[in-house]
Amino acid sequence: MSQITLYLDDATQAMVEQAARAHGISKSRWVADIIRKYAAHEWTADCLALAGRFADFPLREESPAVTAPDTPRLGF
């Protein structure tokens, strides 16, 4: 198992400690769980089950093309 070093400000360190304590796990385990959760590139089963469940949800092709005029840009 590899190790990493994290540099956290005091407020962030306190949040990590509090969250790990609340979940009853070590700080290392809590951080690893968060990394797994946010680094995953897969849809959860619950999310996939929602696909097509909203019959009245307009698809992009069905929506009228509403475009706002461009905002004038400032020059440099």
PDB file of N, CA and C in Angstrom:
ATOM      1  N   MET A   1       0.858  -1.170   0.000  1.00  0.00           N
ATOM      2  CA  MET A   1       0.000   0.000   0.000  1.00  0.00           C
ATOM      3  C   MET A   1       0.900   1.228   0.000  1.00  0.00           C
ATOM      4  N   SER A   2       0.595   2.171  -0.903  1.00  0.00           N
ATOM      5  CA  SER A   2       1.417   3.361  -0.979  1.00  0.00           C
ATOM      6  C   SER A   2       0.940   4.418   0.007  1.00  0.00           C
ATOM      7  N   GLN A   3       1.807   5.381   0.241  1.00  0.00           N
ATOM      8  CA  GLN A   3       1.487   6.478   1.154  1.00  0.00           C
ATOM      9  C   GLN A   3       1.660   7.792   0.415  1.00  0.00           C
ATOM     10  N   ILE A   4       0.871   8.790   0.832  1.00  0.00           N
ATOM     11  CA  ILE A   4       1.019  10.139   0.296  1.00  0.00           C
ATOM     12  C   ILE A   4       1.066  11.111   1.465  1.00  0.00           C
ATOM     13  N   THR A   5       1.569  12.288   1.197  1.00  0.00           N
ATOM     14  CA  THR A   5       1.589  13.347   2.202  1.00  0.00           C
ATOM     15  C   THR A   5       0.663  14.452   1.734  1.00  0.00           C
ATOM     16  N   LEU A   6      -0.232  14.885   2.609  1.00  0.00           N
ATOM     17  CA  LEU A   6      -1.138  15.987   2.301  1.00  0.00           C
ATOM     18  C   LEU A   6      -0.810  17.160   3.200  1.00  0.00           C
ATOM     19  N   TYR A   7      -0.809  18.339   2.617  1.00  0.00           N
ATOM     20  CA  TYR A   7      -0.612  19.552   3.394  1.00  0.00           C
ATOM     21  C   TYR A   7      -1.957  20.252   3.477  1.00  0.00           C
ATOM     22  N   LEU A   8      -2.519  20.332   4.670  1.00  0.00           N
ATOM     23  CA  LEU A   8      -3.839  20.921   4.876  1.00  0.00           C
ATOM     24  C   LEU A   8      -3.747  22.094   5.831  1.00  0.00           C
ATOM     25  N   ASP A   9      -4.573  23.115   5.568  1.00  0.00           N
ATOM     26  CA  ASP A   9      -4.655  24.200   6.533  1.00  0.00           C
ATOM     27  C   ASP A   9      -5.400  23.694   7.771  1.00  0.00           C
ATOM     28  N   ASP A  10      -5.339  24.439   8.849  1.00  0.00           N
ATOM     29  CA  ASP A  10      -5.922  23.984  10.114  1.00  0.00           C
ATOM     30  C   ASP A  10      -7.420  23.708  10.021  1.00  0.00           C
ATOM     31  N   ALA A  11      -8.142  24.557   9.308  1.00  0.00           N
ATOM     32  CA  ALA A  11      -9.593  24.375   9.196  1.00  0.00           C
ATOM     33  C   ALA A  11      -9.932  23.101   8.433  1.00  0.00           C
ATOM     34  N   THR A  12      -9.207  22.827   7.359  1.00  0.00           N
ATOM     35  CA  THR A  12      -9.456  21.613   6.582  1.00  0.00           C
ATOM     36  C   THR A  12      -9.076  20.379   7.385  1.00  0.00           C
ATOM     37  N   GLN A  13      -7.971  20.446   8.092  1.00  0.00           N
ATOM     38  CA  GLN A  13      -7.548  19.332   8.944  1.00  0.00           C
ATOM     39  C   GLN A  13      -8.616  19.023   9.979  1.00  0.00           C
ATOM     40  N   ALA A  14      -9.199  20.057  10.569  1.00  0.00           N
ATOM     41  CA  ALA A  14     -10.257  19.863  11.570  1.00  0.00           C
ATOM     42  C   ALA A  14     -11.479  19.209  10.939  1.00  0.00           C
ATOM     43  N   MET A  15     -11.823  19.604   9.706  1.00  0.00           N
ATOM     44  CA  MET A  15     -12.973  18.994   9.030  1.00  0.00           C
ATOM     45  C   MET A  15     -12.728  17.517   8.754  1.00  0.00           C
ATOM     46  N   VAL A  16     -11.517  17.177   8.326  1.00  0.00           N
ATOM     47  CA  VAL A  16     -11.176  15.771   8.070  1.00  0.00           C
ATOM     48  C   VAL A  16     -11.280  14.966   9.360  1.00  0.00           C
ATOM     49  N   GLU A  17     -10.704  15.486  10.429  1.00  0.00           N
ATOM     50  CA  GLU A  17     -10.746  14.771  11.703  1.00  0.00           C
ATOM     51  C   GLU A  17     -12.186  14.581  12.188  1.00  0.00           C
ATOM     52  N   GLN A  18     -12.996  15.628  12.081  1.00  0.00           N
ATOM     53  CA  GLN A  18     -14.386  15.545  12.531  1.00  0.00           C
ATOM     54  C   GLN A  18     -15.178  14.545  11.692  1.00  0.00           C
ATOM     55  N   ALA A  19     -15.006  14.583  10.373  1.00  0.00           N
ATOM     56  CA  ALA A  19     -15.744  13.671   9.497  1.00  0.00           C
ATOM     57  C   ALA A  19     -15.324  12.221   9.727  1.00  0.00           C
ATOM     58  N   ALA A  20     -14.027  11.980   9.871  1.00  0.00           N
ATOM     59  CA  ALA A  20     -13.551  10.620  10.111  1.00  0.00           C
ATOM     60  C   ALA A  20     -14.079  10.095  11.446  1.00  0.00           C
ATOM     61  N   ARG A  21     -14.048  10.943  12.450  1.00  0.00           N
ATOM     62  CA  ARG A  21     -14.571  10.561  13.765  1.00  0.00           C
ATOM     63  C   ARG A  21     -16.065  10.248  13.678  1.00  0.00           C
ATOM     64  N   ALA A  22     -16.815  11.065  12.951  1.00  0.00           N
ATOM     65  CA  ALA A  22     -18.259  10.871  12.819  1.00  0.00           C
ATOM     66  C   ALA A  22     -18.588   9.565  12.100  1.00  0.00           C
ATOM     67  N   HIS A  23     -17.723   9.153  11.170  1.00  0.00           N
ATOM     68  CA  HIS A  23     -17.945   7.903  10.444  1.00  0.00           C
ATOM     69  C   HIS A  23     -17.311   6.707  11.144  1.00  0.00           C
ATOM     70  N   GLY A  24     -16.582   6.964  12.213  1.00  0.00           N
ATOM     71  CA  GLY A  24     -15.954   5.881  12.976  1.00  0.00           C
ATOM     72  C   GLY A  24     -14.830   5.186  12.240  1.00  0.00           C
ATOM     73  N   ILE A  25     -14.117   5.943  11.404  1.00  0.00           N
ATOM     74  CA  ILE A  25     -12.998   5.372  10.651  1.00  0.00           C
ATOM     75  C   ILE A  25     -11.777   6.272  10.800  1.00  0.00           C
ATOM     76  N   SER A  26     -10.640   5.765  10.361  1.00  0.00           N
ATOM     77  CA  SER A  26      -9.419   6.564  10.442  1.00  0.00           C
ATOM     78  C   SER A  26      -9.457   7.690   9.419  1.00  0.00           C
ATOM     79  N   LYS A  27      -8.621   8.696   9.650  1.00  0.00           N
ATOM     80  CA  LYS A  27      -8.525   9.812   8.697  1.00  0.00           C
ATOM     81  C   LYS A  27      -8.060   9.302   7.334  1.00  0.00           C
ATOM     82  N   SER A  28      -7.118   8.393   7.343  1.00  0.00           N
ATOM     83  CA  SER A  28      -6.607   7.842   6.100  1.00  0.00           C
ATOM     84  C   SER A  28      -7.710   7.129   5.322  1.00  0.00           C
ATOM     85  N   ARG A  29      -8.486   6.333   6.014  1.00  0.00           N
ATOM     86  CA  ARG A  29      -9.595   5.605   5.362  1.00  0.00           C
ATOM     87  C   ARG A  29     -10.630   6.590   4.830  1.00  0.00           C
ATOM     88  N   TRP A  30     -10.944   7.631   5.598  1.00  0.00           N
ATOM     89  CA  TRP A  30     -11.944   8.612   5.179  1.00  0.00           C
ATOM     90  C   TRP A  30     -11.486   9.329   3.909  1.00  0.00           C
ATOM     91  N   VAL A  31     -10.245   9.757   3.880  1.00  0.00           N
ATOM     92  CA  VAL A  31      -9.707  10.446   2.702  1.00  0.00           C
ATOM     93  C   VAL A  31      -9.715   9.498   1.499  1.00  0.00           C
ATOM     94  N   ALA A  32      -9.305   8.245   1.686  1.00  0.00           N
ATOM     95  CA  ALA A  32      -9.297   7.277   0.583  1.00  0.00           C
ATOM     96  C   ALA A  32     -10.705   7.049   0.051  1.00  0.00           C
ATOM     97  N   ASP A  33     -11.689   6.960   0.941  1.00  0.00           N
ATOM     98  CA  ASP A  33     -13.083   6.777   0.512  1.00  0.00           C
ATOM     99  C   ASP A  33     -13.564   7.968  -0.312  1.00  0.00           C
ATOM    100  N   ILE A  34     -13.214   9.182   0.118  1.00  0.00           N
ATOM    101  CA  ILE A  34     -13.606  10.380  -0.621  1.00  0.00           C
ATOM    102  C   ILE A  34     -12.948  10.397  -2.004  1.00  0.00           C
ATOM    103  N   ILE A  35     -11.690  10.031  -2.073  1.00  0.00           N
ATOM    104  CA  ILE A  35     -10.996   9.988  -3.367  1.00  0.00           C
ATOM    105  C   ILE A  35     -11.671   8.976  -4.281  1.00  0.00           C
ATOM    106  N   ARG A  36     -11.993   7.784  -3.762  1.00  0.00           N
ATOM    107  CA  ARG A  36     -12.670   6.778  -4.578  1.00  0.00           C
ATOM    108  C   ARG A  36     -14.015   7.295  -5.077  1.00  0.00           C
ATOM    109  N   LYS A  37     -14.739   7.976  -4.206  1.00  0.00           N
ATOM    110  CA  LYS A  37     -16.066   8.470  -4.566  1.00  0.00           C
ATOM    111  C   LYS A  37     -15.994   9.507  -5.677  1.00  0.00           C
ATOM    112  N   TYR A  38     -15.099  10.467  -5.566  1.00  0.00           N
ATOM    113  CA  TYR A  38     -15.050  11.569  -6.511  1.00  0.00           C
ATOM    114  C   TYR A  38     -14.154  11.314  -7.714  1.00  0.00           C
ATOM    115  N   ALA A  39     -13.299  10.319  -7.654  1.00  0.00           N
ATOM    116  CA  ALA A  39     -12.429  10.029  -8.787  1.00  0.00           C
ATOM    117  C   ALA A  39     -13.049   8.978  -9.708  1.00  0.00           C
ATOM    118  N   ALA A  40     -14.116   8.334  -9.279  1.00  0.00           N
ATOM    119  CA  ALA A  40     -14.773   7.316 -10.100  1.00  0.00           C
ATOM    120  C   ALA A  40     -15.428   7.982 -11.305  1.00  0.00           C
ATOM    121  N   HIS A  41     -15.367   7.317 -12.432  1.00  0.00           N
ATOM    122  CA  HIS A  41     -15.954   7.859 -13.656  1.00  0.00           C
ATOM    123  C   HIS A  41     -17.123   7.002 -14.107  1.00  0.00           C
ATOM    124  N   GLU A  42     -17.886   6.505 -13.150  1.00  0.00           N
ATOM    125  CA  GLU A  42     -19.018   5.658 -13.469  1.00  0.00           C
ATOM    126  C   GLU A  42     -20.278   6.236 -12.846  1.00  0.00           C
ATOM    127  N   TRP A  43     -21.400   6.026 -13.507  1.00  0.00           N
ATOM    128  CA  TRP A  43     -22.685   6.414 -12.943  1.00  0.00           C
ATOM    129  C   TRP A  43     -23.096   5.340 -11.949  1.00  0.00           C
ATOM    130  N   THR A  44     -23.693   5.754 -10.853  1.00  0.00           N
ATOM    131  CA  THR A  44     -24.174   4.776  -9.881  1.00  0.00           C
ATOM    132  C   THR A  44     -25.397   4.067 -10.438  1.00  0.00           C
ATOM    133  N   ALA A  45     -25.698   2.886  -9.920  1.00  0.00           N
ATOM    134  CA  ALA A  45     -26.851   2.116 -10.375  1.00  0.00           C
ATOM    135  C   ALA A  45     -28.142   2.908 -10.171  1.00  0.00           C
ATOM    136  N   ASP A  46     -28.246   3.623  -9.057  1.00  0.00           N
ATOM    137  CA  ASP A  46     -29.439   4.430  -8.794  1.00  0.00           C
ATOM    138  C   ASP A  46     -29.628   5.502  -9.861  1.00  0.00           C
ATOM    139  N   CYS A  47     -28.534   6.112 -10.263  1.00  0.00           N
ATOM    140  CA  CYS A  47     -28.603   7.161 -11.279  1.00  0.00           C
ATOM    141  C   CYS A  47     -28.977   6.563 -12.637  1.00  0.00           C
ATOM    142  N   LEU A  48     -28.377   5.450 -13.007  1.00  0.00           N
ATOM    143  CA  LEU A  48     -28.684   4.808 -14.275  1.00  0.00           C
ATOM    144  C   LEU A  48     -30.139   4.364 -14.332  1.00  0.00           C
ATOM    145  N   ALA A  49     -30.700   3.967 -13.203  1.00  0.00           N
ATOM    146  CA  ALA A  49     -32.093   3.525 -13.161  1.00  0.00           C
ATOM    147  C   ALA A  49     -33.054   4.662 -13.481  1.00  0.00           C
ATOM    148  N   LEU A  50     -32.629   5.900 -13.336  1.00  0.00           N
ATOM    149  CA  LEU A  50     -33.487   7.050 -13.623  1.00  0.00           C
ATOM    150  C   LEU A  50     -33.576   7.379 -15.113  1.00  0.00           C
ATOM    151  N   ALA A  51     -32.702   6.826 -15.910  1.00  0.00           N
ATOM    152  CA  ALA A  51     -32.681   7.136 -17.337  1.00  0.00           C
ATOM    153  C   ALA A  51     -34.024   6.794 -17.978  1.00  0.00           C
ATOM    154  N   GLY A  52     -34.632   7.795 -18.635  1.00  0.00           N
ATOM    155  CA  GLY A  52     -35.894   7.606 -19.320  1.00  0.00           C
ATOM    156  C   GLY A  52     -37.120   7.604 -18.427  1.00  0.00           C
ATOM    157  N   ARG A  53     -36.957   7.874 -17.140  1.00  0.00           N
ATOM    158  CA  ARG A  53     -38.077   7.836 -16.200  1.00  0.00           C
ATOM    159  C   ARG A  53     -38.936   9.096 -16.213  1.00  0.00           C
ATOM    160  N   PHE A  54     -38.473  10.165 -16.834  1.00  0.00           N
ATOM    161  CA  PHE A  54     -39.202  11.422 -16.825  1.00  0.00           C
ATOM    162  C   PHE A  54     -39.791  11.668 -18.213  1.00  0.00           C
ATOM    163  N   ALA A  55     -41.016  11.207 -18.405  1.00  0.00           N
ATOM    164  CA  ALA A  55     -41.638  11.278 -19.725  1.00  0.00           C
ATOM    165  C   ALA A  55     -41.826  12.710 -20.214  1.00  0.00           C
ATOM    166  N   ASP A  56     -42.031  13.651 -19.309  1.00  0.00           N
ATOM    167  CA  ASP A  56     -42.278  15.031 -19.729  1.00  0.00           C
ATOM    168  C   ASP A  56     -41.011  15.877 -19.791  1.00  0.00           C
ATOM    169  N   PHE A  57     -39.842  15.267 -19.644  1.00  0.00           N
ATOM    170  CA  PHE A  57     -38.589  16.007 -19.679  1.00  0.00           C
ATOM    171  C   PHE A  57     -38.219  16.282 -21.132  1.00  0.00           C
ATOM    172  N   PRO A  58     -38.115  17.546 -21.539  1.00  0.00           N
ATOM    173  CA  PRO A  58     -37.820  17.839 -22.952  1.00  0.00           C
ATOM    174  C   PRO A  58     -36.368  17.521 -23.294  1.00  0.00           C
ATOM    175  N   LEU A  59     -36.200  16.874 -24.412  1.00  0.00           N
ATOM    176  CA  LEU A  59     -34.852  16.606 -24.890  1.00  0.00           C
ATOM    177  C   LEU A  59     -34.332  17.835 -25.620  1.00  0.00           C
ATOM    178  N   ARG A  60     -33.042  17.936 -25.771  1.00  0.00           N
ATOM    179  CA  ARG A  60     -32.439  19.109 -26.393  1.00  0.00           C
ATOM    180  C   ARG A  60     -32.982  19.332 -27.802  1.00  0.00           C
ATOM    181  N   GLU A  61     -33.169  18.242 -28.551  1.00  0.00           N
ATOM    182  CA  GLU A  61     -33.648  18.370 -29.920  1.00  0.00           C
ATOM    183  C   GLU A  61     -35.073  18.917 -29.959  1.00  0.00           C
ATOM    184  N   GLU A  62     -35.847  18.650 -28.909  1.00  0.00           N
ATOM    185  CA  GLU A  62     -37.238  19.076 -28.879  1.00  0.00           C
ATOM    186  C   GLU A  62     -37.393  20.504 -28.366  1.00  0.00           C
ATOM    187  N   SER A  63     -36.397  21.020 -27.707  1.00  0.00           N
ATOM    188  CA  SER A  63     -36.469  22.359 -27.131  1.00  0.00           C
ATOM    189  C   SER A  63     -36.235  23.401 -28.212  1.00  0.00           C
ATOM    190  N   PRO A  64     -36.966  24.508 -28.159  1.00  0.00           N
ATOM    191  CA  PRO A  64     -36.704  25.566 -29.143  1.00  0.00           C
ATOM    192  C   PRO A  64     -35.304  26.139 -28.927  1.00  0.00           C
ATOM    193  N   ALA A  65     -34.681  26.488 -30.011  1.00  0.00           N
ATOM    194  CA  ALA A  65     -33.332  27.048 -29.923  1.00  0.00           C
ATOM    195  C   ALA A  65     -33.436  28.501 -29.461  1.00  0.00           C
ATOM    196  N   VAL A  66     -33.189  28.701 -28.184  1.00  0.00           N
ATOM    197  CA  VAL A  66     -33.228  30.041 -27.613  1.00  0.00           C
ATOM    198  C   VAL A  66     -31.792  30.451 -27.346  1.00  0.00           C
ATOM    199  N   THR A  67     -31.366  31.486 -28.031  1.00  0.00           N
ATOM    200  CA  THR A  67     -29.999  31.955 -27.804  1.00  0.00           C
ATOM    201  C   THR A  67     -30.042  33.431 -27.459  1.00  0.00           C
ATOM    202  N   ALA A  68     -29.269  33.770 -26.494  1.00  0.00           N
ATOM    203  CA  ALA A  68     -29.156  35.170 -26.082  1.00  0.00           C
ATOM    204  C   ALA A  68     -28.076  35.828 -26.927  1.00  0.00           C
ATOM    205  N   PRO A  69     -28.221  37.117 -27.186  1.00  0.00           N
ATOM    206  CA  PRO A  69     -27.158  37.795 -27.949  1.00  0.00           C
ATOM    207  C   PRO A  69     -25.854  37.790 -27.156  1.00  0.00           C
ATOM    208  N   ASP A  70     -24.757  37.757 -27.882  1.00  0.00           N
ATOM    209  CA  ASP A  70     -23.456  37.785 -27.228  1.00  0.00           C
ATOM    210  C   ASP A  70     -23.274  39.078 -26.453  1.00  0.00           C
ATOM    211  N   THR A  71     -22.575  38.964 -25.360  1.00  0.00           N
ATOM    212  CA  THR A  71     -22.223  40.132 -24.569  1.00  0.00           C
ATOM    213  C   THR A  71     -21.000  40.785 -25.196  1.00  0.00           C
ATOM    214  N   PRO A  72     -21.021  42.094 -25.358  1.00  0.00           N
ATOM    215  CA  PRO A  72     -19.839  42.753 -25.927  1.00  0.00           C
ATOM    216  C   PRO A  72     -18.618  42.517 -25.040  1.00  0.00           C
ATOM    217  N   ARG A  73     -17.522  42.236 -25.659  1.00  0.00           N
ATOM    218  CA  ARG A  73     -16.279  41.950 -24.928  1.00  0.00           C
ATOM    219  C   ARG A  73     -15.468  43.219 -24.766  1.00  0.00           C
ATOM    220  N   LEU A  74     -14.727  43.279 -23.677  1.00  0.00           N
ATOM    221  CA  LEU A  74     -13.829  44.393 -23.456  1.00  0.00           C
ATOM    222  C   LEU A  74     -12.509  44.103 -24.127  1.00  0.00           C
ATOM    223  N   GLY A  75     -11.936  45.093 -24.748  1.00  0.00           N
ATOM    224  CA  GLY A  75     -10.636  44.900 -25.380  1.00  0.00           C
ATOM    225  C   GLY A  75      -9.521  44.994 -24.363  1.00  0.00           C
ATOM    226  N   PHE A  76      -8.381  44.536 -24.742  1.00  0.00           N
ATOM    227  CA  PHE A  76      -7.223  44.595 -23.841  1.00  0.00           C
ATOM    228  C   PHE A  76      -6.432  45.858 -24.079  1.00  0.00           C
TER     229      PHE A  76
END
